[in-house]
């Protein structure tokens, strides 16, 4: 398999329109629905994270059980994202989006009413499963509605604002609502989801399913089971042990299932997923970049949440306000990213993102010591990380879907989001193991020492993301053969 340095898909039979797209009120309304659902996803994840200690106290859940309230969502979301994106291509984006959004609303309602920890974890898994269909479908509706170029870049930058705002708002709302009861963190998204559902019925245009594909039952079974088992293995390994026979066995089985999926896709007449999309170097770099972005950023924020609440005993609201500047920077700067992408292109902005991330972690390591000061260490780091996320997210998403034909936009969107979620789960699992292994008795009350190995890891992940993007641009071999188009399979 030859990887070529182009963002043009073999499925792209015609160039993207170059005329200026007129943004009608209906088009703005459609974008508002898509942004609202992304806002809802970010809101839900961050609110529940803040409420975990209260949930554990009321339902009598151990730390191990509590982590599955988070990991249950990750399992459903990361395990089915790729299938969710392709299903939208094959069955129709409007139908898949609205159905999954309805399931999300019902699961949120049930989660706020249950009194059993196991049932609560099940509702989180179902919500993750629903999000695995809404997230890539929303992205593919956006990329097929807004023409490639300035219109799409502008829409993606607005889309990013709502994602960052949802996560940041969830931190604050989670801290406030938990004071009234953790159930409100589950119930609050319900009316928002219903509102988005009603608006979606009115504004999302009907679309036709793909003319080919969808007949690959073996591919669907092997992909779904392989991805679910892979994500389950990653999120459960820190608790069970990386060398535990069950961990090794489940990982080996996941590899076999995914290998079976690849073999199936190369044989069937109408594969569920066209593997030729992985021959496009720009798309491969976008997927590696999202692993570095999500894996490092979310893991670092996880460590800071634990340190500020469990070690320094800050309240959830104070902790949320401490981490908020990074999210605010993303929210306020993202509207300008579309114009920057138009002017400088995605490769330069992704390199800027990875540089800012690396500098943020490096600054933290250089100044933190064993008792990091907020103004001198934590705040500058969060601002650099927020800048890295702002430059990176829109640029990566734009690069991951550039030149892809409309009937594969769901696949491209699902692929990059799967890379982000599974990559984040893997990095977080390793970070969790490092932090647990670094904990030691008799340490000072405010000691950050056990978290240093985790920060070292996320710094390495960010630097690897920088290298993935810099090396191809400076390599004489890459310059010699750029650009080159991939021939259809």
Protein backbone atom coordinates (compact mmCIF):
# COMPACT_ATOMS: atom_id res chain seq x y z
CA UNK A 1 0.00 0.00 0.00
CA UNK A 2 1.44 3.36 -1.07
CA UNK A 3 0.56 6.41 0.95
CA UNK A 4 0.46 9.56 -1.13
CA UNK A 5 0.60 13.11 0.11
CA UNK A 6 -2.72 14.49 -1.07
CA UNK A 7 -6.03 15.33 0.45
CA UNK A 8 -7.97 14.25 -2.62
CA UNK A 9 -9.98 11.07 -2.20
CA UNK A 10 -10.22 8.50 -4.98
CA UNK A 11 -13.94 8.75 -4.53
CA UNK A 12 -13.89 12.43 -5.47
CA UNK A 13 -14.94 12.43 -9.05
CA UNK A 14 -15.50 16.18 -9.25
CA UNK A 15 -13.73 19.15 -7.70
CA UNK A 16 -15.36 20.94 -4.81
CA UNK A 17 -17.43 24.02 -5.72
CA UNK A 18 -15.45 27.23 -5.65
CA UNK A 19 -18.35 29.72 -5.63
CA UNK A 20 -19.36 31.60 -2.50
CA UNK A 21 -22.13 29.82 -0.62
CA UNK A 22 -25.03 31.99 0.56
CA UNK A 23 -25.88 31.46 4.23
CA UNK A 24 -29.67 31.54 4.44
CA UNK A 25 -31.63 31.60 7.73
CA UNK A 26 -32.43 27.91 7.22
CA UNK A 27 -28.74 27.14 6.80
CA UNK A 28 -27.95 29.02 10.01
CA UNK A 29 -30.72 27.08 11.75
CA UNK A 30 -29.29 23.76 10.58
CA UNK A 31 -25.84 24.74 11.83
CA UNK A 32 -27.40 25.74 15.16
CA UNK A 33 -28.91 22.26 15.54
CA UNK A 34 -25.59 20.55 14.81
CA UNK A 35 -23.70 22.90 17.14
CA UNK A 36 -26.33 22.38 19.83
CA UNK A 37 -25.81 18.63 19.79
CA UNK A 38 -22.02 19.02 20.02
CA UNK A 39 -22.56 21.49 22.89
CA UNK A 40 -24.77 18.89 24.56
CA UNK A 41 -22.11 16.18 24.26
CA UNK A 42 -19.44 18.39 25.86
CA UNK A 43 -21.86 19.59 28.54
CA UNK A 44 -22.86 16.05 29.50
CA UNK A 45 -19.32 14.68 29.74
CA UNK A 46 -17.94 17.49 31.91
CA UNK A 47 -21.00 17.75 34.20
CA UNK A 48 -20.97 14.06 35.02
CA UNK A 49 -17.21 14.16 35.66
CA UNK A 50 -17.65 16.88 38.29
CA UNK A 51 -20.55 14.96 39.93
CA UNK A 52 -18.70 11.64 40.36
CA UNK A 53 -17.84 12.05 44.08
CA UNK A 54 -21.49 12.85 44.91
CA UNK A 55 -22.74 9.90 42.86
CA UNK A 56 -20.36 7.57 44.69
CA UNK A 57 -21.50 8.82 48.10
CA UNK A 58 -25.24 8.49 47.44
CA UNK A 59 -25.20 5.16 45.60
CA UNK A 60 -22.39 3.61 47.64
CA UNK A 61 -20.13 3.03 44.64
CA UNK A 62 -16.45 2.21 44.97
CA UNK A 63 -13.78 4.07 43.01
CA UNK A 64 -13.62 1.11 40.60
CA UNK A 65 -17.36 1.28 39.97
CA UNK A 66 -17.26 5.07 39.60
CA UNK A 67 -14.67 4.93 36.83
CA UNK A 68 -17.11 2.84 34.79
CA UNK A 69 -19.59 5.72 34.79
CA UNK A 70 -16.95 7.46 32.68
CA UNK A 71 -15.58 4.38 30.93
CA UNK A 72 -19.04 3.02 30.10
CA UNK A 73 -19.62 6.13 28.00
CA UNK A 74 -16.15 5.83 26.44
CA UNK A 75 -16.79 2.15 25.64
CA UNK A 76 -20.00 2.84 23.73
CA UNK A 77 -18.71 6.01 22.11
CA UNK A 78 -15.24 4.89 21.05
CA UNK A 79 -16.31 1.34 20.20
CA UNK A 80 -19.05 2.29 17.74
CA UNK A 81 -17.93 5.66 16.31
CA UNK A 82 -16.53 4.21 13.09
CA UNK A 83 -19.62 2.10 12.49
CA UNK A 84 -21.82 5.07 13.40
CA UNK A 85 -20.25 7.30 10.78
CA UNK A 86 -20.52 4.71 8.03
CA UNK A 87 -24.07 3.76 9.02
CA UNK A 88 -25.09 7.37 8.44
CA UNK A 89 -23.65 7.17 4.91
CA UNK A 90 -25.47 3.93 4.18
CA UNK A 91 -28.87 4.47 5.82
CA UNK A 92 -29.26 8.25 5.56
CA UNK A 93 -27.79 10.93 7.81
CA UNK A 94 -31.09 12.53 8.87
CA UNK A 95 -32.62 9.23 9.96
CA UNK A 96 -29.56 8.09 11.91
CA UNK A 97 -28.99 11.49 13.54
CA UNK A 98 -32.56 11.94 14.80
CA UNK A 99 -32.91 8.35 16.00
CA UNK A 100 -29.64 8.47 17.95
CA UNK A 101 -30.55 11.87 19.44
CA UNK A 102 -33.87 10.47 20.70
CA UNK A 103 -32.04 7.54 22.32
CA UNK A 104 -29.62 9.99 23.96
CA UNK A 105 -32.53 11.96 25.47
CA UNK A 106 -34.24 8.84 26.85
CA UNK A 107 -30.99 7.49 28.33
CA UNK A 108 -30.35 10.86 30.01
CA UNK A 109 -33.79 10.82 31.58
CA UNK A 110 -33.44 7.25 32.84
CA UNK A 111 -29.94 7.98 34.21
CA UNK A 112 -31.31 10.79 36.32
CA UNK A 113 -34.01 8.57 37.86
CA UNK A 114 -32.26 5.26 38.65
CA UNK A 115 -31.10 4.30 42.13
CA UNK A 116 -28.82 1.41 41.15
CA UNK A 117 -25.18 1.89 40.21
CA UNK A 118 -25.19 -0.90 37.62
CA UNK A 119 -28.21 0.60 35.84
CA UNK A 120 -26.56 4.00 35.89
CA UNK A 121 -23.49 2.55 34.16
CA UNK A 122 -25.77 0.91 31.56
CA UNK A 123 -27.41 4.26 30.80
CA UNK A 124 -23.97 5.79 30.34
CA UNK A 125 -23.05 3.05 27.87
CA UNK A 126 -26.28 3.66 25.94
CA UNK A 127 -25.57 7.40 25.87
CA UNK A 128 -22.09 6.72 24.56
CA UNK A 129 -23.55 4.44 21.91
CA UNK A 130 -26.03 7.16 20.87
CA UNK A 131 -23.27 9.77 20.75
CA UNK A 132 -21.25 7.41 18.54
CA UNK A 133 -23.96 7.92 15.93
CA UNK A 134 -24.82 11.59 16.51
CA UNK A 135 -21.23 12.92 16.55
CA UNK A 136 -19.93 11.64 13.19
CA UNK A 137 -23.35 12.10 11.60
CA UNK A 138 -23.47 15.75 12.70
CA UNK A 139 -20.00 16.25 11.26
CA UNK A 140 -20.93 14.58 7.96
CA UNK A 141 -24.16 16.64 7.69
CA UNK A 142 -22.02 19.75 8.19
CA UNK A 143 -19.36 18.77 5.65
CA UNK A 144 -21.93 17.77 3.01
CA UNK A 145 -24.07 20.87 3.57
CA UNK A 146 -21.29 23.47 3.56
CA UNK A 147 -19.09 23.52 0.47
CA UNK A 148 -15.43 22.64 0.87
CA UNK A 149 -13.35 25.77 1.31
CA UNK A 150 -14.23 29.02 3.12
CA UNK A 151 -17.85 28.04 3.87
CA UNK A 152 -16.93 24.71 5.43
CA UNK A 153 -13.96 26.15 7.33
CA UNK A 154 -16.19 28.88 8.76
CA UNK A 155 -18.83 26.33 9.77
CA UNK A 156 -16.21 24.09 11.39
CA UNK A 157 -14.80 27.00 13.40
CA UNK A 158 -18.30 27.82 14.73
CA UNK A 159 -18.83 24.11 15.42
CA UNK A 160 -15.65 24.10 17.52
CA UNK A 161 -16.84 27.07 19.57
CA UNK A 162 -19.89 25.16 20.72
CA UNK A 163 -17.89 22.05 21.58
CA UNK A 164 -15.49 24.03 23.74
CA UNK A 165 -18.32 26.10 25.24
CA UNK A 166 -20.25 22.95 26.10
CA UNK A 167 -17.31 21.41 27.92
CA UNK A 168 -16.47 24.64 29.74
CA UNK A 169 -20.10 25.30 30.66
CA UNK A 170 -20.41 21.75 31.91
CA UNK A 171 -17.58 22.29 34.37
CA UNK A 172 -19.31 25.32 35.86
CA UNK A 173 -22.85 23.92 35.70
CA UNK A 174 -21.67 20.61 37.10
CA UNK A 175 -20.15 22.36 40.09
CA UNK A 176 -23.35 24.37 40.66
CA UNK A 177 -25.91 21.63 40.00
CA UNK A 178 -24.10 19.05 42.13
CA UNK A 179 -24.90 21.29 45.09
CA UNK A 180 -28.62 20.63 44.47
CA UNK A 181 -28.09 16.93 43.71
CA UNK A 182 -26.09 14.94 41.18
CA UNK A 183 -29.26 13.83 39.35
CA UNK A 184 -29.63 17.31 37.88
CA UNK A 185 -26.43 16.75 35.90
CA UNK A 186 -28.22 13.89 34.11
CA UNK A 187 -31.63 15.56 33.79
CA UNK A 188 -30.47 18.97 32.52
CA UNK A 189 -29.51 17.70 29.02
CA UNK A 190 -32.99 16.16 28.48
CA UNK A 191 -34.94 19.32 27.48
CA UNK A 192 -31.98 20.50 25.38
CA UNK A 193 -31.92 17.19 23.51
CA UNK A 194 -35.69 17.32 22.94
CA UNK A 195 -35.41 20.87 21.61
CA UNK A 196 -32.61 19.83 19.23
CA UNK A 197 -34.70 16.83 18.12
CA UNK A 198 -37.72 18.99 17.23
CA UNK A 199 -35.55 21.53 15.40
CA UNK A 200 -33.72 18.72 13.61
CA UNK A 201 -36.97 17.28 12.23
CA UNK A 202 -37.77 20.70 10.77
CA UNK A 203 -34.36 21.78 9.49
CA UNK A 204 -32.26 18.75 8.51
CA UNK A 205 -32.91 17.97 4.84
CA UNK A 206 -33.86 14.47 3.78
CA UNK A 207 -31.03 12.58 2.11
CA UNK A 208 -30.75 9.39 0.16
CA UNK A 209 -28.82 6.37 1.48
CA UNK A 210 -25.71 5.37 -0.45
CA UNK A 211 -26.41 3.44 -3.64
CA UNK A 212 -23.83 0.78 -2.79
CA UNK A 213 -22.50 -0.80 0.36
CA UNK A 214 -24.22 -2.00 3.50
CA UNK A 215 -24.28 -5.66 2.45
CA UNK A 216 -21.23 -6.55 4.50
CA UNK A 217 -22.70 -8.30 7.56
CA UNK A 218 -19.46 -10.08 8.47
CA UNK A 219 -17.57 -6.77 8.29
CA UNK A 220 -20.13 -5.06 10.52
CA UNK A 221 -19.96 -7.85 13.14
CA UNK A 222 -16.15 -8.08 13.22
CA UNK A 223 -15.69 -4.28 13.28
CA UNK A 224 -18.22 -3.70 16.07
CA UNK A 225 -17.07 -6.57 18.27
CA UNK A 226 -13.39 -5.84 17.63
CA UNK A 227 -13.68 -2.12 18.44
CA UNK A 228 -15.81 -2.71 21.55
CA UNK A 229 -13.37 -5.33 22.84
CA UNK A 230 -10.35 -3.14 22.06
CA UNK A 231 -11.78 -0.13 23.90
CA UNK A 232 -12.91 -2.32 26.82
CA UNK A 233 -9.42 -3.78 27.11
CA UNK A 234 -7.82 -0.33 27.13
CA UNK A 235 -10.13 1.19 29.76
CA UNK A 236 -10.08 -1.86 32.06
CA UNK A 237 -6.35 -2.61 31.86
CA UNK A 238 -5.22 -0.14 34.59
CA UNK A 239 -7.54 -1.79 37.10
CA UNK A 240 -6.86 -5.39 36.10
CA UNK A 241 -3.21 -5.06 35.12
CA UNK A 242 -1.61 -4.76 31.68
CA UNK A 243 -0.03 -8.24 31.88
CA UNK A 244 -3.07 -9.94 33.39
CA UNK A 245 -4.02 -13.03 31.31
CA UNK A 246 -7.52 -11.66 30.72
CA UNK A 247 -6.11 -8.33 29.49
CA UNK A 248 -3.65 -10.03 27.15
CA UNK A 249 -6.28 -12.48 25.94
CA UNK A 250 -8.94 -9.85 25.24
CA UNK A 251 -6.41 -7.67 23.45
CA UNK A 252 -5.32 -10.62 21.29
CA UNK A 253 -8.94 -11.45 20.46
CA UNK A 254 -9.62 -7.81 19.55
CA UNK A 255 -6.64 -7.85 17.18
CA UNK A 256 -7.91 -11.07 15.57
CA UNK A 257 -11.39 -9.64 15.11
CA UNK A 258 -10.06 -6.44 13.56
CA UNK A 259 -7.70 -8.44 11.34
CA UNK A 260 -10.72 -10.47 10.25
CA UNK A 261 -12.51 -7.21 9.46
CA UNK A 262 -9.61 -6.01 7.27
CA UNK A 263 -9.50 -9.36 5.46
CA UNK A 264 -13.25 -9.19 4.87
CA UNK A 265 -13.14 -5.65 3.50
CA UNK A 266 -10.50 -6.67 0.96
CA UNK A 267 -12.67 -9.52 -0.33
CA UNK A 268 -16.31 -8.41 -0.47
CA UNK A 269 -17.81 -6.64 -3.47
CA UNK A 270 -19.41 -3.89 -1.35
CA UNK A 271 -17.24 -3.35 1.74
CA UNK A 272 -18.65 -1.58 4.76
CA UNK A 273 -15.55 0.65 4.83
CA UNK A 274 -13.26 1.36 1.89
CA UNK A 275 -9.77 0.86 3.29
CA UNK A 276 -8.25 2.86 0.45
CA UNK A 277 -9.06 6.02 2.41
CA UNK A 278 -6.05 5.18 4.60
CA UNK A 279 -3.76 5.62 1.59
CA UNK A 280 -4.18 9.39 1.78
CA UNK A 281 -1.27 10.79 3.79
CA UNK A 282 -3.05 13.98 4.87
CA UNK A 283 -5.89 11.95 6.37
CA UNK A 284 -3.45 9.64 8.15
CA UNK A 285 -1.69 12.69 9.64
CA UNK A 286 -5.02 14.17 10.71
CA UNK A 287 -5.91 10.96 12.56
CA UNK A 288 -2.51 10.77 14.27
CA UNK A 289 -2.80 14.45 15.20
CA UNK A 290 -6.19 14.01 16.87
CA UNK A 291 -4.70 11.18 18.97
CA UNK A 292 -1.95 13.53 20.15
CA UNK A 293 -4.40 16.39 20.77
CA UNK A 294 -7.13 14.49 22.64
CA UNK A 295 -4.81 11.99 24.31
CA UNK A 296 -2.55 14.62 25.87
CA UNK A 297 -5.13 17.35 26.58
CA UNK A 298 -7.79 15.17 28.24
CA UNK A 299 -5.23 13.18 30.23
CA UNK A 300 -3.59 16.35 31.57
CA UNK A 301 -6.98 17.79 32.54
CA UNK A 302 -7.82 14.48 34.28
CA UNK A 303 -4.62 14.71 36.34
CA UNK A 304 -5.28 18.34 37.27
CA UNK A 305 -8.84 17.46 38.33
CA UNK A 306 -7.56 14.75 40.65
CA UNK A 307 -4.77 16.90 42.04
CA UNK A 308 -6.89 19.98 42.72
CA UNK A 309 -9.84 18.08 44.25
CA UNK A 310 -8.28 15.03 45.90
CA UNK A 311 -4.89 16.45 46.95
CA UNK A 312 -5.57 20.16 47.49
CA UNK A 313 -9.24 19.53 48.44
CA UNK A 314 -10.61 22.28 46.24
CA UNK A 315 -14.38 22.37 45.73
CA UNK A 316 -15.74 21.21 42.32
CA UNK A 317 -16.68 24.80 41.42
CA UNK A 318 -13.27 26.22 42.36
CA UNK A 319 -11.56 23.46 40.38
CA UNK A 320 -13.80 24.16 37.37
CA UNK A 321 -12.99 27.88 37.48
CA UNK A 322 -9.26 27.10 37.67
CA UNK A 323 -9.38 25.04 34.47
CA UNK A 324 -11.86 27.32 32.69
CA UNK A 325 -9.36 29.76 31.05
CA UNK A 326 -8.21 27.12 28.57
CA UNK A 327 -11.77 26.41 27.48
CA UNK A 328 -12.60 30.11 27.23
CA UNK A 329 -9.59 30.66 24.99
CA UNK A 330 -10.85 27.92 22.67
CA UNK A 331 -14.36 29.38 22.64
CA UNK A 332 -13.25 32.97 21.89
CA UNK A 333 -10.56 32.14 19.32
CA UNK A 334 -12.32 29.39 17.35
CA UNK A 335 -14.54 31.77 15.31
CA UNK A 336 -11.38 33.07 13.63
CA UNK A 337 -9.98 29.65 12.75
CA UNK A 338 -11.93 29.35 9.50
CA UNK A 339 -10.23 32.44 8.09
CA UNK A 340 -6.83 31.25 9.31
CA UNK A 341 -7.36 27.88 7.62
CA UNK A 342 -8.26 29.65 4.36
CA UNK A 343 -5.15 31.82 4.56
CA UNK A 344 -2.49 29.44 5.88
CA UNK A 345 -3.85 25.93 5.25
CA UNK A 346 -4.38 23.10 7.71
CA UNK A 347 -0.78 21.73 7.89
CA UNK A 348 0.69 24.97 9.30
CA UNK A 349 -2.10 25.40 11.83
CA UNK A 350 -1.81 21.80 13.02
CA UNK A 351 1.94 22.31 13.52
CA UNK A 352 1.16 25.50 15.47
CA UNK A 353 -1.28 23.49 17.59
CA UNK A 354 1.20 20.75 18.40
CA UNK A 355 3.88 23.34 19.18
CA UNK A 356 1.59 25.18 21.61
CA UNK A 357 0.61 21.91 23.31
CA UNK A 358 4.24 20.85 23.68
CA UNK A 359 5.22 24.24 25.12
CA UNK A 360 2.34 24.08 27.60
CA UNK A 361 3.41 20.73 29.01
CA UNK A 362 7.09 21.70 28.92
CA UNK A 363 6.34 24.89 30.88
CA UNK A 364 4.46 22.88 33.48
CA UNK A 365 7.31 20.39 33.87
CA UNK A 366 9.89 23.19 34.11
CA UNK A 367 8.07 25.21 36.78
CA UNK A 368 5.80 22.82 38.71
CA UNK A 369 8.16 21.10 41.10
CA UNK A 370 6.23 19.18 43.75
CA UNK A 371 3.79 21.99 44.51
CA UNK A 372 2.74 23.85 41.33
CA UNK A 373 1.61 27.44 41.86
CA UNK A 374 -1.59 28.38 40.05
CA UNK A 375 -0.56 31.77 38.60
CA UNK A 376 3.02 30.79 37.76
CA UNK A 377 2.45 27.26 36.45
CA UNK A 378 -1.12 26.03 36.04
CA UNK A 379 -2.68 29.12 34.42
CA UNK A 380 0.06 29.67 31.76
CA UNK A 381 -0.02 25.97 30.94
CA UNK A 382 -3.81 25.94 30.54
CA UNK A 383 -3.64 28.99 28.24
CA UNK A 384 -1.00 27.33 26.03
CA UNK A 385 -3.02 24.13 25.95
CA UNK A 386 -6.20 26.07 25.13
CA UNK A 387 -4.36 27.74 22.26
CA UNK A 388 -3.17 24.35 21.03
CA UNK A 389 -6.71 22.96 21.10
CA UNK A 390 -8.11 26.05 19.36
CA UNK A 391 -5.61 25.84 16.48
CA UNK A 392 -5.80 22.08 16.27
CA UNK A 393 -9.40 20.92 16.43
CA UNK A 394 -10.90 22.79 13.47
CA UNK A 395 -7.76 22.30 11.38
CA UNK A 396 -7.60 18.57 12.03
CA UNK A 397 -11.30 18.08 11.26
CA UNK A 398 -11.00 20.10 8.06
CA UNK A 399 -7.94 18.12 6.91
CA UNK A 400 -9.58 14.79 7.80
CA UNK A 401 -12.52 15.47 5.46
CA UNK A 402 -10.91 17.46 2.64
CA UNK A 403 -11.50 16.06 -0.82
CA UNK A 404 -13.73 13.23 0.40
CA UNK A 405 -16.84 12.51 -1.66
CA UNK A 406 -20.19 13.15 0.03
CA UNK A 407 -21.05 9.45 0.30
CA UNK A 408 -17.93 8.89 2.45
CA UNK A 409 -18.05 11.98 4.66
CA UNK A 410 -19.56 9.91 7.49
CA UNK A 411 -16.72 7.42 7.16
CA UNK A 412 -14.04 10.15 7.24
CA UNK A 413 -15.72 11.89 10.19
CA UNK A 414 -16.17 8.65 12.09
CA UNK A 415 -12.57 7.64 11.42
CA UNK A 416 -11.01 10.82 12.84
CA UNK A 417 -13.35 10.90 15.83
CA UNK A 418 -12.67 7.23 16.54
CA UNK A 419 -8.95 7.94 16.46
CA UNK A 420 -9.46 10.77 18.95
CA UNK A 421 -11.61 8.78 21.38
CA UNK A 422 -9.67 5.51 21.28
CA UNK A 423 -6.35 7.39 21.37
CA UNK A 424 -7.53 9.43 24.35
CA UNK A 425 -8.70 6.27 26.13
CA UNK A 426 -5.34 4.59 25.53
CA UNK A 427 -3.24 7.55 26.71
CA UNK A 428 -5.52 8.06 29.73
CA UNK A 429 -5.25 4.38 30.65
CA UNK A 430 -1.44 4.56 30.63
CA UNK A 431 -1.48 7.86 32.53
CA UNK A 432 -3.78 6.34 35.17
CA UNK A 433 -1.41 3.41 35.60
CA UNK A 434 1.60 5.74 35.91
CA UNK A 435 -0.12 7.95 38.47
CA UNK A 436 -1.23 4.94 40.53
CA UNK A 437 2.27 3.50 40.38
CA UNK A 438 3.81 6.82 41.39
CA UNK A 439 1.69 7.24 44.51
CA UNK A 440 3.61 6.71 47.72
CA UNK A 441 2.82 6.83 51.40
CA UNK A 442 4.19 9.59 53.59
CA UNK A 443 4.28 12.20 50.83
CA UNK A 444 3.65 15.87 51.72
CA UNK A 445 0.01 16.95 51.70
CA UNK A 446 0.28 18.97 48.46
CA UNK A 447 2.81 16.73 46.71
CA UNK A 448 2.48 16.64 42.90
CA UNK A 449 5.26 14.06 42.58
CA UNK A 450 3.03 11.05 41.74
CA UNK A 451 1.65 12.94 38.74
CA UNK A 452 5.00 13.79 37.16
CA UNK A 453 5.28 10.51 35.18
CA UNK A 454 1.87 11.19 33.66
CA UNK A 455 2.86 14.72 32.61
CA UNK A 456 6.07 13.30 31.11
CA UNK A 457 3.95 10.92 29.03
CA UNK A 458 1.53 13.55 27.70
CA UNK A 459 4.50 15.78 26.83
CA UNK A 460 5.95 12.93 24.78
CA UNK A 461 2.59 12.37 23.07
CA UNK A 462 2.38 16.05 22.08
CA UNK A 463 5.95 16.02 20.76
CA UNK A 464 5.17 12.88 18.73
CA UNK A 465 2.18 14.71 17.23
CA UNK A 466 4.47 17.58 16.29
CA UNK A 467 6.94 15.20 14.66
CA UNK A 468 4.17 13.45 12.65
CA UNK A 469 3.37 16.77 10.99
CA UNK A 470 6.80 18.39 10.68
CA UNK A 471 8.81 15.49 9.27
CA UNK A 472 6.70 14.96 6.11
CA UNK A 473 6.92 18.67 5.27
CA UNK A 474 10.70 18.87 5.57
CA UNK A 475 11.50 15.47 4.14
CA UNK A 476 13.16 15.71 0.68
CA UNK A 477 11.36 12.51 -0.36
CA UNK A 478 7.97 13.97 0.64
CA UNK A 479 8.69 17.22 -1.25
CA UNK A 480 9.79 15.29 -4.30
CA UNK A 481 6.60 13.29 -4.61
CA UNK A 482 4.01 15.90 -3.50
CA UNK A 483 1.26 16.07 -4.68
CA UNK A 484 0.26 12.74 -6.14
CA UNK A 485 -3.23 11.35 -6.52
CA UNK A 486 -4.31 7.95 -5.27
CA UNK A 487 -5.82 5.73 -7.90
CA UNK A 488 -9.20 4.17 -7.12
CA UNK A 489 -9.20 0.66 -5.74
